[in-house]
Amino acid sequence: MEVFEFVKETILELSDIGESDLTPQLKLVDLGLDSLDYVQIQVAVKKKYGVQIRPEVYVSGKVQTLGDFCEYIESSRIVEADTAN
């Protein structure tokens, strides 16, 4: 769960949420983050993993929990690596 740990650390830097509350089951809406926080997370993910997170990901309802978000990053990372080769 390397991606989860990275995202978790990034969120901890941005919010007052307790570390024990950051579980894969936590809904993104329950994080209490604002749009600037999400942009900072997106930039960090782009720098670390080379994955561009599109706004449709949130709007579509495919990504609702922190675990979903991390799975999206992981699967996008694999796809982008495959297309780069």
PDB file of N, CA and C in Angstrom:
ATOM      1  N   MET A   1       0.835  -1.204   0.000  1.00  0.00           N
ATOM      2  CA  MET A   1       0.000   0.000   0.000  1.00  0.00           C
ATOM      3  C   MET A   1       0.870   1.254   0.000  1.00  0.00           C
ATOM      4  N   GLU A   2       1.885   1.270  -0.820  1.00  0.00           N
ATOM      5  CA  GLU A   2       2.757   2.435  -0.917  1.00  0.00           C
ATOM      6  C   GLU A   2       1.976   3.697  -1.270  1.00  0.00           C
ATOM      7  N   VAL A   3       1.051   3.595  -2.218  1.00  0.00           N
ATOM      8  CA  VAL A   3       0.271   4.752  -2.643  1.00  0.00           C
ATOM      9  C   VAL A   3      -0.578   5.262  -1.479  1.00  0.00           C
ATOM     10  N   PHE A   4      -1.224   4.353  -0.758  1.00  0.00           N
ATOM     11  CA  PHE A   4      -2.052   4.756   0.376  1.00  0.00           C
ATOM     12  C   PHE A   4      -1.219   5.521   1.407  1.00  0.00           C
ATOM     13  N   GLU A   5      -0.043   5.023   1.721  1.00  0.00           N
ATOM     14  CA  GLU A   5       0.812   5.689   2.714  1.00  0.00           C
ATOM     15  C   GLU A   5       1.218   7.084   2.247  1.00  0.00           C
ATOM     16  N   PHE A   6       1.520   7.225   0.960  1.00  0.00           N
ATOM     17  CA  PHE A   6       1.889   8.530   0.419  1.00  0.00           C
ATOM     18  C   PHE A   6       0.722   9.496   0.493  1.00  0.00           C
ATOM     19  N   VAL A   7      -0.450   9.054   0.052  1.00  0.00           N
ATOM     20  CA  VAL A   7      -1.641   9.906   0.076  1.00  0.00           C
ATOM     21  C   VAL A   7      -1.994  10.267   1.517  1.00  0.00           C
ATOM     22  N   LYS A   8      -1.898   9.313   2.398  1.00  0.00           N
ATOM     23  CA  LYS A   8      -2.189   9.539   3.814  1.00  0.00           C
ATOM     24  C   LYS A   8      -1.270  10.617   4.393  1.00  0.00           C
ATOM     25  N   GLU A   9       0.013  10.514   4.138  1.00  0.00           N
ATOM     26  CA  GLU A   9       0.966  11.511   4.632  1.00  0.00           C
ATOM     27  C   GLU A   9       0.671  12.895   4.055  1.00  0.00           C
ATOM     28  N   THR A  10       0.302  12.935   2.789  1.00  0.00           N
ATOM     29  CA  THR A  10      -0.029  14.207   2.144  1.00  0.00           C
ATOM     30  C   THR A  10      -1.253  14.836   2.798  1.00  0.00           C
ATOM     31  N   ILE A  11      -2.268  14.030   3.060  1.00  0.00           N
ATOM     32  CA  ILE A  11      -3.486  14.530   3.707  1.00  0.00           C
ATOM     33  C   ILE A  11      -3.188  14.992   5.128  1.00  0.00           C
ATOM     34  N   LEU A  12      -2.371  14.267   5.848  1.00  0.00           N
ATOM     35  CA  LEU A  12      -2.016  14.654   7.222  1.00  0.00           C
ATOM     36  C   LEU A  12      -1.348  16.027   7.262  1.00  0.00           C
ATOM     37  N   GLU A  13      -0.569  16.341   6.232  1.00  0.00           N
ATOM     38  CA  GLU A  13       0.078  17.648   6.152  1.00  0.00           C
ATOM     39  C   GLU A  13      -0.917  18.767   5.897  1.00  0.00           C
ATOM     40  N   LEU A  14      -2.051  18.432   5.277  1.00  0.00           N
ATOM     41  CA  LEU A  14      -3.023  19.447   4.873  1.00  0.00           C
ATOM     42  C   LEU A  14      -4.191  19.628   5.844  1.00  0.00           C
ATOM     43  N   SER A  15      -4.388  18.681   6.729  1.00  0.00           N
ATOM     44  CA  SER A  15      -5.617  18.712   7.531  1.00  0.00           C
ATOM     45  C   SER A  15      -5.352  18.419   9.002  1.00  0.00           C
ATOM     46  N   ASP A  16      -6.413  18.526   9.761  1.00  0.00           N
ATOM     47  CA  ASP A  16      -6.362  18.223  11.197  1.00  0.00           C
ATOM     48  C   ASP A  16      -6.895  16.825  11.491  1.00  0.00           C
ATOM     49  N   ILE A  17      -7.087  16.034  10.459  1.00  0.00           N
ATOM     50  CA  ILE A  17      -7.624  14.689  10.634  1.00  0.00           C
ATOM     51  C   ILE A  17      -6.583  13.831  11.350  1.00  0.00           C
ATOM     52  N   GLY A  18      -7.037  13.037  12.299  1.00  0.00           N
ATOM     53  CA  GLY A  18      -6.136  12.139  13.006  1.00  0.00           C
ATOM     54  C   GLY A  18      -5.684  11.004  12.110  1.00  0.00           C
ATOM     55  N   GLU A  19      -4.451  10.588  12.295  1.00  0.00           N
ATOM     56  CA  GLU A  19      -3.891   9.529  11.458  1.00  0.00           C
ATOM     57  C   GLU A  19      -4.716   8.249  11.520  1.00  0.00           C
ATOM     58  N   SER A  20      -5.237   7.929  12.699  1.00  0.00           N
ATOM     59  CA  SER A  20      -6.014   6.700  12.852  1.00  0.00           C
ATOM     60  C   SER A  20      -7.353   6.768  12.118  1.00  0.00           C
ATOM     61  N   ASP A  21      -7.809   7.984  11.790  1.00  0.00           N
ATOM     62  CA  ASP A  21      -9.068   8.143  11.057  1.00  0.00           C
ATOM     63  C   ASP A  21      -8.896   7.934   9.555  1.00  0.00           C
ATOM     64  N   LEU A  22      -7.667   8.006   9.081  1.00  0.00           N
ATOM     65  CA  LEU A  22      -7.408   7.862   7.647  1.00  0.00           C
ATOM     66  C   LEU A  22      -7.292   6.393   7.277  1.00  0.00           C
ATOM     67  N   THR A  23      -8.427   5.823   6.940  1.00  0.00           N
ATOM     68  CA  THR A  23      -8.500   4.423   6.539  1.00  0.00           C
ATOM     69  C   THR A  23      -8.942   4.347   5.084  1.00  0.00           C
ATOM     70  N   PRO A  24      -8.701   3.241   4.422  1.00  0.00           N
ATOM     71  CA  PRO A  24      -9.161   3.101   3.036  1.00  0.00           C
ATOM     72  C   PRO A  24     -10.681   3.243   2.886  1.00  0.00           C
ATOM     73  N   GLN A  25     -11.432   2.987   3.942  1.00  0.00           N
ATOM     74  CA  GLN A  25     -12.892   3.060   3.880  1.00  0.00           C
ATOM     75  C   GLN A  25     -13.438   4.482   4.056  1.00  0.00           C
ATOM     76  N   LEU A  26     -12.593   5.417   4.474  1.00  0.00           N
ATOM     77  CA  LEU A  26     -13.029   6.784   4.723  1.00  0.00           C
ATOM     78  C   LEU A  26     -13.491   7.435   3.429  1.00  0.00           C
ATOM     79  N   LYS A  27     -14.685   7.993   3.454  1.00  0.00           N
ATOM     80  CA  LYS A  27     -15.212   8.680   2.267  1.00  0.00           C
ATOM     81  C   LYS A  27     -14.470  10.001   2.074  1.00  0.00           C
ATOM     82  N   LEU A  28     -14.178  10.329   0.819  1.00  0.00           N
ATOM     83  CA  LEU A  28     -13.459  11.555   0.509  1.00  0.00           C
ATOM     84  C   LEU A  28     -14.204  12.786   1.015  1.00  0.00           C
ATOM     85  N   VAL A  29     -15.529  12.771   0.924  1.00  0.00           N
ATOM     86  CA  VAL A  29     -16.308  13.918   1.396  1.00  0.00           C
ATOM     87  C   VAL A  29     -16.159  14.125   2.896  1.00  0.00           C
ATOM     88  N   ASP A  30     -15.822  13.069   3.624  1.00  0.00           N
ATOM     89  CA  ASP A  30     -15.649  13.169   5.072  1.00  0.00           C
ATOM     90  C   ASP A  30     -14.274  13.696   5.478  1.00  0.00           C
ATOM     91  N   LEU A  31     -13.395  13.909   4.505  1.00  0.00           N
ATOM     92  CA  LEU A  31     -12.074  14.444   4.808  1.00  0.00           C
ATOM     93  C   LEU A  31     -12.144  15.917   5.215  1.00  0.00           C
ATOM     94  N   GLY A  32     -13.156  16.617   4.730  1.00  0.00           N
ATOM     95  CA  GLY A  32     -13.294  18.030   5.049  1.00  0.00           C
ATOM     96  C   GLY A  32     -12.267  18.915   4.354  1.00  0.00           C
ATOM     97  N   LEU A  33     -11.746  18.446   3.228  1.00  0.00           N
ATOM     98  CA  LEU A  33     -10.758  19.214   2.482  1.00  0.00           C
ATOM     99  C   LEU A  33     -11.443  20.177   1.530  1.00  0.00           C
ATOM    100  N   ASP A  34     -10.780  21.285   1.235  1.00  0.00           N
ATOM    101  CA  ASP A  34     -11.333  22.213   0.249  1.00  0.00           C
ATOM    102  C   ASP A  34     -10.677  21.968  -1.111  1.00  0.00           C
ATOM    103  N   SER A  35     -11.111  22.722  -2.105  1.00  0.00           N
ATOM    104  CA  SER A  35     -10.625  22.479  -3.466  1.00  0.00           C
ATOM    105  C   SER A  35      -9.118  22.712  -3.582  1.00  0.00           C
ATOM    106  N   LEU A  36      -8.575  23.666  -2.845  1.00  0.00           N
ATOM    107  CA  LEU A  36      -7.134  23.896  -2.880  1.00  0.00           C
ATOM    108  C   LEU A  36      -6.368  22.699  -2.319  1.00  0.00           C
ATOM    109  N   ASP A  37      -6.919  22.085  -1.274  1.00  0.00           N
ATOM    110  CA  ASP A  37      -6.292  20.884  -0.712  1.00  0.00           C
ATOM    111  C   ASP A  37      -6.241  19.769  -1.753  1.00  0.00           C
ATOM    112  N   TYR A  38      -7.351  19.596  -2.477  1.00  0.00           N
ATOM    113  CA  TYR A  38      -7.381  18.554  -3.506  1.00  0.00           C
ATOM    114  C   TYR A  38      -6.377  18.843  -4.620  1.00  0.00           C
ATOM    115  N   VAL A  39      -6.230  20.117  -4.964  1.00  0.00           N
ATOM    116  CA  VAL A  39      -5.242  20.486  -5.981  1.00  0.00           C
ATOM    117  C   VAL A  39      -3.842  20.143  -5.485  1.00  0.00           C
ATOM    118  N   GLN A  40      -3.559  20.424  -4.212  1.00  0.00           N
ATOM    119  CA  GLN A  40      -2.247  20.101  -3.659  1.00  0.00           C
ATOM    120  C   GLN A  40      -2.000  18.591  -3.659  1.00  0.00           C
ATOM    121  N   ILE A  41      -3.029  17.814  -3.371  1.00  0.00           N
ATOM    122  CA  ILE A  41      -2.896  16.354  -3.424  1.00  0.00           C
ATOM    123  C   ILE A  41      -2.628  15.911  -4.859  1.00  0.00           C
ATOM    124  N   GLN A  42      -3.360  16.497  -5.809  1.00  0.00           N
ATOM    125  CA  GLN A  42      -3.177  16.141  -7.211  1.00  0.00           C
ATOM    126  C   GLN A  42      -1.765  16.457  -7.685  1.00  0.00           C
ATOM    127  N   VAL A  43      -1.243  17.609  -7.282  1.00  0.00           N
ATOM    128  CA  VAL A  43       0.116  17.995  -7.672  1.00  0.00           C
ATOM    129  C   VAL A  43       1.133  17.025  -7.068  1.00  0.00           C
ATOM    130  N   ALA A  44       0.939  16.670  -5.805  1.00  0.00           N
ATOM    131  CA  ALA A  44       1.857  15.734  -5.147  1.00  0.00           C
ATOM    132  C   ALA A  44       1.832  14.372  -5.838  1.00  0.00           C
ATOM    133  N   VAL A  45       0.644  13.898  -6.193  1.00  0.00           N
ATOM    134  CA  VAL A  45       0.504  12.607  -6.876  1.00  0.00           C
ATOM    135  C   VAL A  45       1.151  12.670  -8.261  1.00  0.00           C
ATOM    136  N   LYS A  46       0.959  13.769  -8.956  1.00  0.00           N
ATOM    137  CA  LYS A  46       1.551  13.936 -10.284  1.00  0.00           C
ATOM    138  C   LYS A  46       3.080  13.907 -10.197  1.00  0.00           C
ATOM    139  N   LYS A  47       3.636  14.612  -9.195  1.00  0.00           N
ATOM    140  CA  LYS A  47       5.097  14.635  -9.021  1.00  0.00           C
ATOM    141  C   LYS A  47       5.645  13.260  -8.658  1.00  0.00           C
ATOM    142  N   LYS A  48       4.967  12.577  -7.752  1.00  0.00           N
ATOM    143  CA  LYS A  48       5.470  11.299  -7.240  1.00  0.00           C
ATOM    144  C   LYS A  48       5.253  10.144  -8.220  1.00  0.00           C
ATOM    145  N   TYR A  49       4.051  10.083  -8.802  1.00  0.00           N
ATOM    146  CA  TYR A  49       3.683   8.912  -9.613  1.00  0.00           C
ATOM    147  C   TYR A  49       3.466   9.202 -11.098  1.00  0.00           C
ATOM    148  N   GLY A  50       3.456  10.474 -11.477  1.00  0.00           N
ATOM    149  CA  GLY A  50       3.229  10.811 -12.876  1.00  0.00           C
ATOM    150  C   GLY A  50       1.799  10.588 -13.325  1.00  0.00           C
ATOM    151  N   VAL A  51       0.871  10.567 -12.370  1.00  0.00           N
ATOM    152  CA  VAL A  51      -0.541  10.323 -12.681  1.00  0.00           C
ATOM    153  C   VAL A  51      -1.318  11.633 -12.615  1.00  0.00           C
ATOM    154  N   GLN A  52      -1.977  11.953 -13.710  1.00  0.00           N
ATOM    155  CA  GLN A  52      -2.838  13.134 -13.770  1.00  0.00           C
ATOM    156  C   GLN A  52      -4.238  12.727 -13.322  1.00  0.00           C
ATOM    157  N   ILE A  53      -4.736  13.347 -12.266  1.00  0.00           N
ATOM    158  CA  ILE A  53      -6.080  13.023 -11.766  1.00  0.00           C
ATOM    159  C   ILE A  53      -7.059  14.019 -12.360  1.00  0.00           C
ATOM    160  N   ARG A  54      -7.959  13.503 -13.144  1.00  0.00           N
ATOM    161  CA  ARG A  54      -8.940  14.346 -13.821  1.00  0.00           C
ATOM    162  C   ARG A  54     -10.154  14.584 -12.921  1.00  0.00           C
ATOM    163  N   PRO A  55     -10.766  15.770 -13.014  1.00  0.00           N
ATOM    164  CA  PRO A  55     -11.937  16.080 -12.168  1.00  0.00           C
ATOM    165  C   PRO A  55     -13.090  15.091 -12.340  1.00  0.00           C
ATOM    166  N   GLU A  56     -13.199  14.494 -13.522  1.00  0.00           N
ATOM    167  CA  GLU A  56     -14.281  13.539 -13.778  1.00  0.00           C
ATOM    168  C   GLU A  56     -14.232  12.354 -12.813  1.00  0.00           C
ATOM    169  N   VAL A  57     -13.048  12.071 -12.302  1.00  0.00           N
ATOM    170  CA  VAL A  57     -12.877  10.954 -11.374  1.00  0.00           C
ATOM    171  C   VAL A  57     -13.769  11.159 -10.149  1.00  0.00           C
ATOM    172  N   TYR A  58     -13.803  12.379  -9.661  1.00  0.00           N
ATOM    173  CA  TYR A  58     -14.620  12.677  -8.483  1.00  0.00           C
ATOM    174  C   TYR A  58     -16.101  12.744  -8.840  1.00  0.00           C
ATOM    175  N   VAL A  59     -16.396  13.405  -9.951  1.00  0.00           N
ATOM    176  CA  VAL A  59     -17.775  13.635 -10.355  1.00  0.00           C
ATOM    177  C   VAL A  59     -18.484  12.338 -10.743  1.00  0.00           C
ATOM    178  N   SER A  60     -17.763  11.413 -11.330  1.00  0.00           N
ATOM    179  CA  SER A  60     -18.355  10.175 -11.839  1.00  0.00           C
ATOM    180  C   SER A  60     -18.899   9.269 -10.731  1.00  0.00           C
ATOM    181  N   GLY A  61     -18.378   9.428  -9.529  1.00  0.00           N
ATOM    182  CA  GLY A  61     -18.789   8.564  -8.433  1.00  0.00           C
ATOM    183  C   GLY A  61     -17.999   7.272  -8.358  1.00  0.00           C
ATOM    184  N   LYS A  62     -17.055   7.080  -9.286  1.00  0.00           N
ATOM    185  CA  LYS A  62     -16.222   5.873  -9.266  1.00  0.00           C
ATOM    186  C   LYS A  62     -15.278   5.877  -8.070  1.00  0.00           C
ATOM    187  N   VAL A  63     -14.876   7.072  -7.669  1.00  0.00           N
ATOM    188  CA  VAL A  63     -13.948   7.228  -6.555  1.00  0.00           C
ATOM    189  C   VAL A  63     -14.688   7.921  -5.422  1.00  0.00           C
ATOM    190  N   GLN A  64     -15.017   7.147  -4.392  1.00  0.00           N
ATOM    191  CA  GLN A  64     -15.753   7.713  -3.272  1.00  0.00           C
ATOM    192  C   GLN A  64     -14.987   7.638  -1.960  1.00  0.00           C
ATOM    193  N   THR A  65     -14.087   6.664  -1.847  1.00  0.00           N
ATOM    194  CA  THR A  65     -13.347   6.484  -0.598  1.00  0.00           C
ATOM    195  C   THR A  65     -11.861   6.720  -0.834  1.00  0.00           C
ATOM    196  N   LEU A  66     -11.147   6.825   0.234  1.00  0.00           N
ATOM    197  CA  LEU A  66      -9.701   6.983   0.141  1.00  0.00           C
ATOM    198  C   LEU A  66      -9.073   5.761  -0.535  1.00  0.00           C
ATOM    199  N   GLY A  67      -9.601   4.594  -0.246  1.00  0.00           N
ATOM    200  CA  GLY A  67      -9.129   3.374  -0.893  1.00  0.00           C
ATOM    201  C   GLY A  67      -9.376   3.391  -2.394  1.00  0.00           C
ATOM    202  N   ASP A  68     -10.578   3.851  -2.803  1.00  0.00           N
ATOM    203  CA  ASP A  68     -10.888   3.976  -4.235  1.00  0.00           C
ATOM    204  C   ASP A  68      -9.897   4.918  -4.913  1.00  0.00           C
ATOM    205  N   PHE A  69      -9.621   6.021  -4.239  1.00  0.00           N
ATOM    206  CA  PHE A  69      -8.705   7.031  -4.765  1.00  0.00           C
ATOM    207  C   PHE A  69      -7.311   6.431  -4.985  1.00  0.00           C
ATOM    208  N   CYS A  70      -6.839   5.688  -4.014  1.00  0.00           N
ATOM    209  CA  CYS A  70      -5.513   5.065  -4.114  1.00  0.00           C
ATOM    210  C   CYS A  70      -5.486   3.986  -5.198  1.00  0.00           C
ATOM    211  N   GLU A  71      -6.562   3.230  -5.315  1.00  0.00           N
ATOM    212  CA  GLU A  71      -6.654   2.216  -6.377  1.00  0.00           C
ATOM    213  C   GLU A  71      -6.637   2.879  -7.748  1.00  0.00           C
ATOM    214  N   TYR A  72      -7.320   4.018  -7.862  1.00  0.00           N
ATOM    215  CA  TYR A  72      -7.327   4.757  -9.131  1.00  0.00           C
ATOM    216  C   TYR A  72      -5.901   5.187  -9.495  1.00  0.00           C
ATOM    217  N   ILE A  73      -5.173   5.722  -8.517  1.00  0.00           N
ATOM    218  CA  ILE A  73      -3.799   6.154  -8.766  1.00  0.00           C
ATOM    219  C   ILE A  73      -2.950   4.961  -9.198  1.00  0.00           C
ATOM    220  N   GLU A  74      -3.069   3.860  -8.474  1.00  0.00           N
ATOM    221  CA  GLU A  74      -2.283   2.661  -8.791  1.00  0.00           C
ATOM    222  C   GLU A  74      -2.596   2.136 -10.187  1.00  0.00           C
ATOM    223  N   SER A  75      -3.863   2.040 -10.528  1.00  0.00           N
ATOM    224  CA  SER A  75      -4.228   1.514 -11.853  1.00  0.00           C
ATOM    225  C   SER A  75      -3.828   2.487 -12.958  1.00  0.00           C
ATOM    226  N   SER A  76      -3.937   3.780 -12.710  1.00  0.00           N
ATOM    227  CA  SER A  76      -3.531   4.779 -13.709  1.00  0.00           C
ATOM    228  C   SER A  76      -2.023   4.752 -13.898  1.00  0.00           C
ATOM    229  N   ARG A  77      -1.324   4.514 -12.830  1.00  0.00           N
ATOM    230  CA  ARG A  77       0.137   4.425 -12.871  1.00  0.00           C
ATOM    231  C   ARG A  77       0.567   3.261 -13.772  1.00  0.00           C
ATOM    232  N   ILE A  78      -0.111   2.150 -13.656  1.00  0.00           N
ATOM    233  CA  ILE A  78       0.187   0.968 -14.472  1.00  0.00           C
ATOM    234  C   ILE A  78      -0.130   1.248 -15.937  1.00  0.00           C
ATOM    235  N   VAL A  79      -1.283   1.853 -16.204  1.00  0.00           N
ATOM    236  CA  VAL A  79      -1.691   2.169 -17.577  1.00  0.00           C
ATOM    237  C   VAL A  79      -0.719   3.139 -18.214  1.00  0.00           C
ATOM    238  N   GLU A  80      -0.360   4.187 -17.471  1.00  0.00           N
ATOM    239  CA  GLU A  80       0.560   5.191 -18.026  1.00  0.00           C
ATOM    240  C   GLU A  80       1.940   4.603 -18.269  1.00  0.00           C
ATOM    241  N   ALA A  81       2.382   3.693 -17.428  1.00  0.00           N
ATOM    242  CA  ALA A  81       3.673   3.026 -17.631  1.00  0.00           C
ATOM    243  C   ALA A  81       3.629   2.163 -18.874  1.00  0.00           C
ATOM    244  N   ASP A  82       2.502   1.466 -19.097  1.00  0.00           N
ATOM    245  CA  ASP A  82       2.356   0.618 -20.274  1.00  0.00           C
ATOM    246  C   ASP A  82       2.348   1.437 -21.564  1.00  0.00           C
ATOM    247  N   THR A  83       1.690   2.588 -21.542  1.00  0.00           N
ATOM    248  CA  THR A  83       1.611   3.402 -22.750  1.00  0.00           C
ATOM    249  C   THR A  83       2.925   4.126 -23.035  1.00  0.00           C
ATOM    250  N   ALA A  84       3.764   4.278 -22.011  1.00  0.00           N
ATOM    251  CA  ALA A  84       5.057   4.923 -22.201  1.00  0.00           C
ATOM    252  C   ALA A  84       6.063   3.989 -22.891  1.00  0.00           C
ATOM    253  N   ASN A  85       5.808   2.699 -22.805  1.00  0.00           N
ATOM    254  CA  ASN A  85       6.739   1.724 -23.396  1.00  0.00           C
ATOM    255  C   ASN A  85       6.363   1.359 -24.792  1.00  0.00           C
TER     256      ASN A  85
END
